[in-house]
Amino acid sequence: MKLGILGYGVVGSGLINMIDKDSKDRGIEIKGILVKDKRKHIDKKHYEKITEDIEDIFSEDIDTLVELIGDEENAYKYIKRALENGINVVTANKAVIADYGDELINIAREKGVSLRFEASVAGGVPVIKVLSEAMSGNQIKSINAILNGTTNFILSKMHDEKLEYKDALKKAQEVGFAEADPSADVFGYDAARKLAILSNIAFEKRVNWKDLYICGIDKVSALDIDSASELGCRIKLICHSEVENGKVSGYVRPAAVETGNPLSGIVNENNLVEICGDSVGKIALVGKGAGSFATGSAVYSDVTDIIENPGSNLSEISDEITNVYKNPEKKEDFIVRYPVESYEVVENILSDNNLIFRKILSKDGDISVFIEKVTEKKLDEIDEYLKNTGFQKSSIRIIKID
């Protein structure tokens, strides 16, 4: 197989190292590697094949294009061009697959080539292959997951080292788990894209990631961490989707997870995906969700799959976008953080509605309250009332899951 590789960063380096160790047995040949600045790669392997011009890649006689550049606009353009030219594609780009996966899979099918994207979700955890192959006889009922290593690393440091959010983020940036601009990770967008891809495959309905309920970790404080600990929980950025009576619902949000739940024990950059099928019940896949060799391994697996099964596409994404169902009347348990000065008002509202609640902790002018079996609609109403009565600071909500 002759490869054109776009990108020579963390994942590209891991992939190329694996190819170099295994290329003779697999018959893999690297024909070209695209980078932004060739000078930065002068000491790397295959320097003579590195180029800054995409036309150099397409002018080579390649069988498969491996896209690892991250840039959604150019990645989409190059992937589509390759497929239309009858070239297989392997990509780790969750943004492209989340937004254009159905279109690109259709092109691949029409041209009789493969589009593989295992590395777009959960790094080295082979969850897409499991959904597409091992669980193909099941109707998938739900997905619960930790899908973003950056936010999991930050929350782990906040729990274990008692750091505030900004200090834990800085540490994540120093060790290379967080970008200089961490917005996509900490606001929950990266995880939402990954959850949408998994939901698309699992439920055979196209879920637009922007339609999910998305709340990141950027507002999580040390008070929230301590409050969760008081309840025997750890806070995680949880990705959840389910289908019931043909309706898909889903969210990405901070959740207080009880310590008996496997999700609570996932630390640092690791990911976990729990899938519930109607026949097999619950299965869980755990592994590194980021890193050179973890993600490079998933890319390499896709490349070798194409060698063994040319022209096949394991994963299908429906063309028809489904509405993501939101149920503001569903009752859940929450840790809610309010300004201390508004607590008396909140207490009266909760009492008037016969809700079960208790104070947990207070710190830095805020107070955390555990409220049982309350709806998002009721919490919205309390926030609106507080705003109208002069308390401008909104509540911070963390859902509790067993």
Protein backbone atom coordinates (compact mmCIF):
# COMPACT_ATOMS: atom_id res chain seq x y z
CA MET A 1 0.00 0.00 0.00
CA LYS A 2 1.27 3.46 -0.93
CA LEU A 3 0.44 6.19 1.61
CA GLY A 4 0.22 9.96 1.49
CA ILE A 5 0.26 11.33 5.03
CA LEU A 6 -1.06 14.78 5.91
CA GLY A 7 0.51 15.96 9.15
CA TYR A 8 3.67 15.02 11.06
CA GLY A 9 2.75 16.07 14.59
CA VAL A 10 2.11 13.93 17.66
CA VAL A 11 -0.19 11.40 15.96
CA GLY A 12 1.70 11.43 12.66
CA SER A 13 4.98 10.68 14.44
CA GLY A 14 3.41 7.75 16.28
CA LEU A 15 1.96 6.36 13.06
CA ILE A 16 5.20 6.67 11.12
CA ASN A 17 7.15 4.91 13.88
CA MET A 18 4.69 2.01 13.71
CA ILE A 19 4.91 1.87 9.92
CA ASP A 20 8.71 1.80 10.05
CA LYS A 21 8.65 -1.18 12.43
CA ASP A 22 6.05 -3.12 10.44
CA SER A 23 6.20 -1.86 6.86
CA LYS A 24 8.12 -4.81 5.35
CA ASP A 25 5.58 -7.34 6.59
CA ARG A 26 2.60 -5.23 5.53
CA GLY A 27 3.94 -3.86 2.27
CA ILE A 28 3.35 -0.24 3.31
CA GLU A 29 5.29 2.52 1.56
CA ILE A 30 5.21 6.20 2.52
CA LYS A 31 5.15 8.29 -0.67
CA GLY A 32 4.80 11.77 0.83
CA ILE A 33 4.20 13.69 4.06
CA LEU A 34 2.52 17.11 4.11
CA VAL A 35 3.55 19.69 6.75
CA LYS A 36 3.14 23.44 7.20
CA ASP A 37 6.82 24.22 7.74
CA LYS A 38 9.39 21.72 6.46
CA ARG A 39 12.20 23.35 8.42
CA LYS A 40 10.66 22.21 11.72
CA HIS A 41 11.02 18.56 10.70
CA ILE A 42 14.63 18.54 9.52
CA ASP A 43 15.69 15.90 12.07
CA LYS A 44 12.74 13.56 11.49
CA LYS A 45 12.60 10.32 9.56
CA HIS A 46 11.64 10.42 5.88
CA TYR A 47 12.68 14.08 5.57
CA GLU A 48 13.22 13.61 1.83
CA LYS A 49 9.50 12.83 1.45
CA ILE A 50 8.26 15.87 3.38
CA THR A 51 6.53 18.65 1.44
CA GLU A 52 4.59 21.83 2.10
CA ASP A 53 2.55 21.49 -1.10
CA ILE A 54 -0.60 19.32 -1.14
CA GLU A 55 -0.22 18.91 -4.92
CA ASP A 56 2.96 16.93 -4.31
CA ILE A 57 0.90 14.41 -2.37
CA PHE A 58 -1.83 14.07 -4.97
CA SER A 59 0.70 13.83 -7.79
CA GLU A 60 2.06 10.62 -6.25
CA ASP A 61 0.54 7.24 -7.09
CA ILE A 62 -1.04 6.70 -3.64
CA ASP A 63 -3.63 4.12 -2.58
CA THR A 64 -4.55 5.71 0.74
CA LEU A 65 -4.54 9.23 2.16
CA VAL A 66 -4.02 9.51 5.92
CA GLU A 67 -5.35 12.85 7.18
CA LEU A 68 -3.92 14.07 10.52
CA ILE A 69 -3.78 17.86 10.10
CA GLY A 70 -6.70 18.82 12.37
CA ASP A 71 -7.77 21.85 10.28
CA GLU A 72 -11.44 21.10 9.51
CA GLU A 73 -11.80 23.17 6.34
CA ASN A 74 -8.69 21.89 4.56
CA ALA A 75 -9.09 18.36 5.93
CA TYR A 76 -12.62 18.13 4.51
CA LYS A 77 -11.43 19.45 1.15
CA TYR A 78 -8.52 16.99 0.93
CA ILE A 79 -10.55 13.99 2.15
CA LYS A 80 -13.33 14.67 -0.35
CA ARG A 81 -10.86 15.15 -3.19
CA ALA A 82 -9.12 11.88 -2.37
CA LEU A 83 -12.34 9.88 -2.20
CA GLU A 84 -13.61 11.35 -5.46
CA ASN A 85 -10.32 10.32 -7.06
CA GLY A 86 -10.78 6.72 -5.88
CA ILE A 87 -8.27 6.95 -3.03
CA ASN A 88 -8.95 5.34 0.37
CA VAL A 89 -8.92 7.69 3.37
CA VAL A 90 -8.05 7.23 7.03
CA THR A 91 -8.67 10.22 9.30
CA ALA A 92 -8.55 11.14 12.99
CA ASN A 93 -10.56 14.32 12.38
CA LYS A 94 -13.66 14.22 14.60
CA ALA A 95 -14.87 17.63 13.39
CA VAL A 96 -14.96 16.52 9.73
CA ILE A 97 -16.67 13.21 10.52
CA ALA A 98 -19.19 14.83 12.87
CA ASP A 99 -20.14 17.48 10.30
CA TYR A 100 -19.66 15.70 6.96
CA GLY A 101 -19.43 11.99 7.72
CA ASP A 102 -22.62 10.99 5.90
CA GLU A 103 -21.60 12.83 2.71
CA LEU A 104 -18.08 11.42 2.70
CA ILE A 105 -19.18 7.84 3.38
CA ASN A 106 -21.61 8.09 0.45
CA ILE A 107 -18.80 9.25 -1.83
CA ALA A 108 -16.57 6.40 -0.62
CA ARG A 109 -19.34 3.89 -1.32
CA GLU A 110 -19.97 5.28 -4.81
CA LYS A 111 -16.27 5.14 -5.67
CA GLY A 112 -15.72 1.69 -4.15
CA VAL A 113 -13.09 2.89 -1.65
CA SER A 114 -12.79 2.98 2.13
CA LEU A 115 -13.22 5.81 4.62
CA ARG A 116 -12.02 4.82 8.10
CA PHE A 117 -12.08 7.04 11.19
CA GLU A 118 -11.47 4.89 14.28
CA ALA A 119 -8.99 7.43 15.66
CA SER A 120 -11.57 10.25 15.59
CA VAL A 121 -13.09 8.97 18.86
CA ALA A 122 -11.35 7.84 22.06
CA GLY A 123 -7.80 7.61 20.70
CA GLY A 124 -6.55 4.05 20.99
CA VAL A 125 -9.87 2.61 22.21
CA PRO A 126 -11.41 0.64 19.28
CA VAL A 127 -14.98 1.68 20.02
CA ILE A 128 -16.10 2.30 16.41
CA LYS A 129 -14.99 -1.17 15.37
CA VAL A 130 -16.81 -2.69 18.34
CA LEU A 131 -20.03 -0.83 17.48
CA SER A 132 -19.77 -1.68 13.79
CA GLU A 133 -18.70 -5.31 14.09
CA ALA A 134 -18.88 -6.93 17.53
CA MET A 135 -22.23 -5.36 18.45
CA SER A 136 -23.83 -5.33 15.01
CA GLY A 137 -26.51 -7.78 16.15
CA ASN A 138 -27.59 -5.56 19.03
CA GLN A 139 -29.94 -2.64 19.22
CA ILE A 140 -27.90 -0.08 21.13
CA LYS A 141 -29.88 1.52 23.93
CA SER A 142 -27.39 3.95 25.46
CA ILE A 143 -23.83 5.25 25.61
CA ASN A 144 -22.08 6.59 28.72
CA ALA A 145 -18.55 7.79 28.25
CA ILE A 146 -15.56 9.91 29.11
CA LEU A 147 -14.29 11.02 25.70
CA ASN A 148 -11.95 13.95 26.33
CA GLY A 149 -8.54 13.33 27.89
CA THR A 150 -7.80 17.03 28.47
CA THR A 151 -10.83 17.69 30.66
CA ASN A 152 -10.40 14.37 32.46
CA PHE A 153 -6.79 15.30 33.24
CA ILE A 154 -7.85 18.71 34.56
CA LEU A 155 -10.62 17.30 36.76
CA SER A 156 -8.28 14.57 38.05
CA LYS A 157 -5.76 17.19 39.15
CA MET A 158 -8.51 19.27 40.79
CA HIS A 159 -9.61 16.24 42.82
CA ASP A 160 -6.26 14.64 43.61
CA GLU A 161 -4.04 17.71 44.01
CA LYS A 162 -6.71 20.14 45.24
CA LEU A 163 -6.00 22.60 42.42
CA GLU A 164 -8.33 25.33 41.23
CA TYR A 165 -9.49 25.05 37.63
CA LYS A 166 -7.08 27.65 36.21
CA ASP A 167 -4.07 25.97 37.87
CA ALA A 168 -5.09 22.50 36.70
CA LEU A 169 -5.54 23.85 33.16
CA LYS A 170 -2.08 25.40 33.26
CA LYS A 171 -0.62 22.06 34.32
CA ALA A 172 -2.43 20.31 31.47
CA GLN A 173 -0.93 22.83 29.04
CA GLU A 174 2.56 22.36 30.47
CA VAL A 175 2.50 18.58 29.94
CA GLY A 176 0.96 18.87 26.47
CA PHE A 177 -2.56 17.59 27.19
CA ALA A 178 -4.17 21.00 26.60
CA GLU A 179 -3.70 23.39 23.70
CA ALA A 180 -2.76 27.05 24.14
CA ASP A 181 -6.41 27.70 23.24
CA PRO A 182 -8.26 24.90 25.09
CA SER A 183 -11.77 26.11 24.20
CA ALA A 184 -12.86 23.07 22.17
CA ASP A 185 -11.95 20.78 25.05
CA VAL A 186 -13.01 22.71 28.15
CA PHE A 187 -16.30 23.99 26.64
CA GLY A 188 -17.28 20.41 25.77
CA TYR A 189 -17.31 20.79 21.96
CA ASP A 190 -14.67 18.13 21.27
CA ALA A 191 -16.50 15.57 23.43
CA ALA A 192 -19.86 16.49 21.85
CA ARG A 193 -18.50 15.81 18.35
CA LYS A 194 -17.21 12.42 19.46
CA LEU A 195 -20.49 11.54 21.18
CA ALA A 196 -22.40 12.50 18.02
CA ILE A 197 -20.21 10.19 15.90
CA LEU A 198 -20.80 7.26 18.26
CA SER A 199 -24.53 8.02 18.47
CA ASN A 200 -24.78 8.19 14.68
CA ILE A 201 -23.37 4.68 14.38
CA ALA A 202 -25.07 3.20 17.45
CA PHE A 203 -28.60 4.47 16.83
CA GLU A 204 -28.46 4.58 13.00
CA LYS A 205 -29.70 8.17 13.14
CA ARG A 206 -27.69 11.26 12.28
CA VAL A 207 -27.20 13.37 15.40
CA ASN A 208 -25.99 16.95 14.96
CA TRP A 209 -23.50 17.51 17.78
CA LYS A 210 -24.69 21.11 18.23
CA ASP A 211 -28.15 19.82 19.17
CA LEU A 212 -26.83 17.98 22.23
CA TYR A 213 -27.01 19.65 25.65
CA ILE A 214 -23.43 20.88 26.05
CA CYS A 215 -21.86 22.31 29.21
CA GLY A 216 -18.10 22.31 29.72
CA ILE A 217 -15.89 22.26 32.80
CA ASP A 218 -14.66 25.86 32.69
CA LYS A 219 -17.01 26.89 35.52
CA VAL A 220 -16.21 23.94 37.81
CA SER A 221 -14.67 25.21 41.06
CA ALA A 222 -12.86 23.73 44.05
CA LEU A 223 -16.15 24.06 45.95
CA ASP A 224 -17.86 21.81 43.40
CA ILE A 225 -15.04 19.27 43.68
CA ASP A 226 -15.25 19.26 47.51
CA SER A 227 -19.05 19.06 47.43
CA ALA A 228 -18.93 16.03 45.13
CA SER A 229 -16.40 14.40 47.46
CA GLU A 230 -18.75 14.97 50.39
CA LEU A 231 -21.33 12.91 48.50
CA GLY A 232 -18.85 10.13 47.73
CA CYS A 233 -18.46 11.24 44.10
CA ARG A 234 -15.91 12.52 41.62
CA ILE A 235 -16.73 15.09 38.96
CA LYS A 236 -16.26 13.95 35.36
CA LEU A 237 -17.23 15.42 32.00
CA ILE A 238 -19.78 12.78 31.06
CA CYS A 239 -21.05 12.08 27.56
CA HIS A 240 -24.43 10.37 27.55
CA SER A 241 -26.84 9.51 24.76
CA GLU A 242 -29.77 7.14 24.58
CA VAL A 243 -32.67 6.19 22.36
CA GLU A 244 -36.14 5.51 23.72
CA ASN A 245 -39.28 5.03 21.63
CA GLY A 246 -37.29 6.17 18.60
CA LYS A 247 -36.27 9.47 20.25
CA VAL A 248 -32.61 10.31 20.80
CA SER A 249 -31.49 12.39 23.75
CA GLY A 250 -28.00 13.28 24.85
CA TYR A 251 -25.73 15.58 26.78
CA VAL A 252 -22.12 16.47 27.54
CA ARG A 253 -21.89 17.98 31.01
CA PRO A 254 -20.02 17.82 34.33
CA ALA A 255 -21.47 15.07 36.50
CA ALA A 256 -20.85 13.93 40.07
CA VAL A 257 -20.24 10.21 39.59
CA GLU A 258 -20.48 7.86 42.57
CA THR A 259 -17.24 6.05 43.31
CA GLY A 260 -18.78 2.63 42.64
CA ASN A 261 -19.35 3.60 39.00
CA PRO A 262 -16.44 2.61 36.69
CA LEU A 263 -16.54 6.10 35.15
CA SER A 264 -15.38 7.64 38.43
CA GLY A 265 -12.10 5.71 38.39
CA ILE A 266 -10.94 6.92 34.98
CA VAL A 267 -8.07 9.36 35.53
CA ASN A 268 -5.83 11.68 33.55
CA GLU A 269 -5.92 11.22 29.75
CA ASN A 270 -7.73 7.88 29.82
CA ASN A 271 -11.15 7.35 28.23
CA LEU A 272 -13.98 4.94 28.96
CA VAL A 273 -16.94 4.07 26.74
CA GLU A 274 -19.82 2.06 28.20
CA ILE A 275 -22.28 0.73 25.62
CA CYS A 276 -25.59 -0.91 26.48
CA GLY A 277 -27.06 -3.30 23.91
CA ASP A 278 -30.36 -5.14 24.08
CA SER A 279 -28.71 -8.57 23.81
CA VAL A 280 -25.24 -8.24 25.31
CA GLY A 281 -26.16 -5.78 28.09
CA LYS A 282 -23.42 -3.37 29.17
CA ILE A 283 -19.83 -3.56 27.97
CA ALA A 284 -17.04 -1.11 28.78
CA LEU A 285 -13.94 -0.21 26.77
CA VAL A 286 -11.07 1.57 28.54
CA GLY A 287 -7.80 2.99 27.25
CA LYS A 288 -5.74 6.04 26.42
CA GLY A 289 -7.81 8.68 24.67
CA ALA A 290 -4.86 10.74 23.49
CA GLY A 291 -1.17 10.53 22.76
CA SER A 292 1.20 9.69 19.94
CA PHE A 293 1.11 5.91 20.08
CA ALA A 294 -2.46 5.46 21.33
CA THR A 295 -4.03 7.47 18.51
CA GLY A 296 -1.36 6.41 16.03
CA SER A 297 -2.26 2.80 16.81
CA ALA A 298 -5.90 3.42 15.87
CA VAL A 299 -4.83 5.06 12.59
CA TYR A 300 -2.46 2.19 11.82
CA SER A 301 -5.21 -0.34 12.53
CA ASP A 302 -7.43 1.40 9.98
CA VAL A 303 -4.64 1.33 7.40
CA THR A 304 -4.08 -2.41 7.86
CA ASP A 305 -7.84 -3.04 7.75
CA ILE A 306 -7.94 -1.42 4.32
CA ILE A 307 -5.09 -3.69 3.17
CA GLU A 308 -7.03 -6.75 4.32
CA ASN A 309 -10.52 -5.54 3.29
CA PRO A 310 -10.13 -3.02 0.43
CA GLY A 311 -13.20 -1.03 -0.49
CA SER A 312 -15.10 -1.84 2.72
CA ASN A 313 -16.59 0.70 5.11
CA LEU A 314 -17.28 -0.55 8.61
CA SER A 315 -19.24 2.47 9.77
CA GLU A 316 -22.39 3.95 8.31
CA ILE A 317 -23.89 7.34 9.16
CA SER A 318 -27.51 8.09 8.29
CA ASP A 319 -28.26 10.94 5.89
CA GLU A 320 -31.35 12.03 7.79
CA ILE A 321 -30.75 14.31 10.77
CA THR A 322 -32.80 13.34 13.81
CA ASN A 323 -34.11 15.79 16.38
CA VAL A 324 -32.35 15.49 19.72
CA TYR A 325 -35.05 15.21 22.34
CA LYS A 326 -34.77 17.41 25.42
CA ASN A 327 -36.96 16.62 28.43
CA PRO A 328 -36.89 19.55 30.87
CA GLU A 329 -39.44 17.69 33.02
CA LYS A 330 -37.16 14.71 33.75
CA LYS A 331 -36.29 14.57 37.44
CA GLU A 332 -32.63 14.19 38.38
CA ASP A 333 -30.40 14.76 41.40
CA PHE A 334 -28.16 17.84 41.24
CA ILE A 335 -25.41 19.65 43.07
CA VAL A 336 -26.26 23.32 42.53
CA ARG A 337 -24.01 26.24 43.47
CA TYR A 338 -25.67 29.54 44.39
CA PRO A 339 -24.39 32.85 45.77
CA VAL A 340 -24.59 32.70 49.57
CA GLU A 341 -26.76 35.83 49.73
CA SER A 342 -29.46 34.20 47.65
CA TYR A 343 -29.69 31.00 49.67
CA GLU A 344 -32.61 32.07 51.86
CA VAL A 345 -34.66 32.82 48.75
CA VAL A 346 -33.65 29.50 47.17
CA GLU A 347 -34.48 27.62 50.38
CA ASN A 348 -37.98 29.11 50.43
CA ILE A 349 -38.63 28.20 46.78
CA LEU A 350 -37.42 24.63 47.26
CA SER A 351 -39.49 24.22 50.42
CA ASP A 352 -42.59 25.63 48.74
CA ASN A 353 -42.18 23.00 46.00
CA ASN A 354 -41.78 20.16 48.52
CA LEU A 355 -38.31 19.31 47.23
CA ILE A 356 -35.76 17.40 49.29
CA PHE A 357 -32.52 19.35 49.63
CA ARG A 358 -29.62 20.08 51.94
CA LYS A 359 -26.67 22.40 52.16
CA ILE A 360 -23.32 20.75 51.51
CA LEU A 361 -20.51 23.32 51.76
CA SER A 362 -19.85 27.03 51.35
CA LYS A 363 -16.74 28.84 50.16
CA ASP A 364 -15.74 32.16 48.61
CA GLY A 365 -19.25 33.61 48.70
CA ASP A 366 -20.93 30.54 47.18
CA ILE A 367 -22.94 27.73 48.71
CA SER A 368 -23.51 24.25 47.29
CA VAL A 369 -26.88 22.57 47.67
CA PHE A 370 -27.82 18.97 46.97
CA ILE A 371 -31.32 18.81 45.49
CA GLU A 372 -33.07 15.49 44.90
CA LYS A 373 -35.42 14.71 42.03
CA VAL A 374 -35.67 18.19 40.56
CA THR A 375 -36.22 19.12 36.92
CA GLU A 376 -34.07 21.40 34.77
CA LYS A 377 -37.22 23.43 34.22
CA LYS A 378 -37.57 24.10 37.94
CA LEU A 379 -33.89 25.06 38.25
CA ASP A 380 -34.36 27.42 35.29
CA GLU A 381 -37.36 28.99 37.04
CA ILE A 382 -35.33 29.54 40.22
CA ASP A 383 -32.52 31.15 38.23
CA GLU A 384 -34.98 33.43 36.46
CA TYR A 385 -36.58 34.43 39.76
CA LEU A 386 -33.19 35.20 41.32
CA LYS A 387 -32.22 37.28 38.30
CA ASN A 388 -35.47 39.26 38.47
CA THR A 389 -34.99 39.91 42.20
CA GLY A 390 -31.48 41.29 41.86
CA PHE A 391 -29.21 38.23 42.17
CA GLN A 392 -27.38 38.43 38.87
CA LYS A 393 -25.07 35.43 39.32
CA SER A 394 -26.45 32.27 37.69
CA SER A 395 -26.38 28.91 39.41
CA ILE A 396 -23.84 26.25 38.44
CA ARG A 397 -25.41 22.79 38.07
CA ILE A 398 -23.71 19.42 38.22
CA ILE A 399 -25.91 16.43 37.61
CA LYS A 400 -25.40 13.44 39.93
CA ILE A 401 -25.30 9.93 38.50
CA ASP A 402 -25.04 6.62 40.37
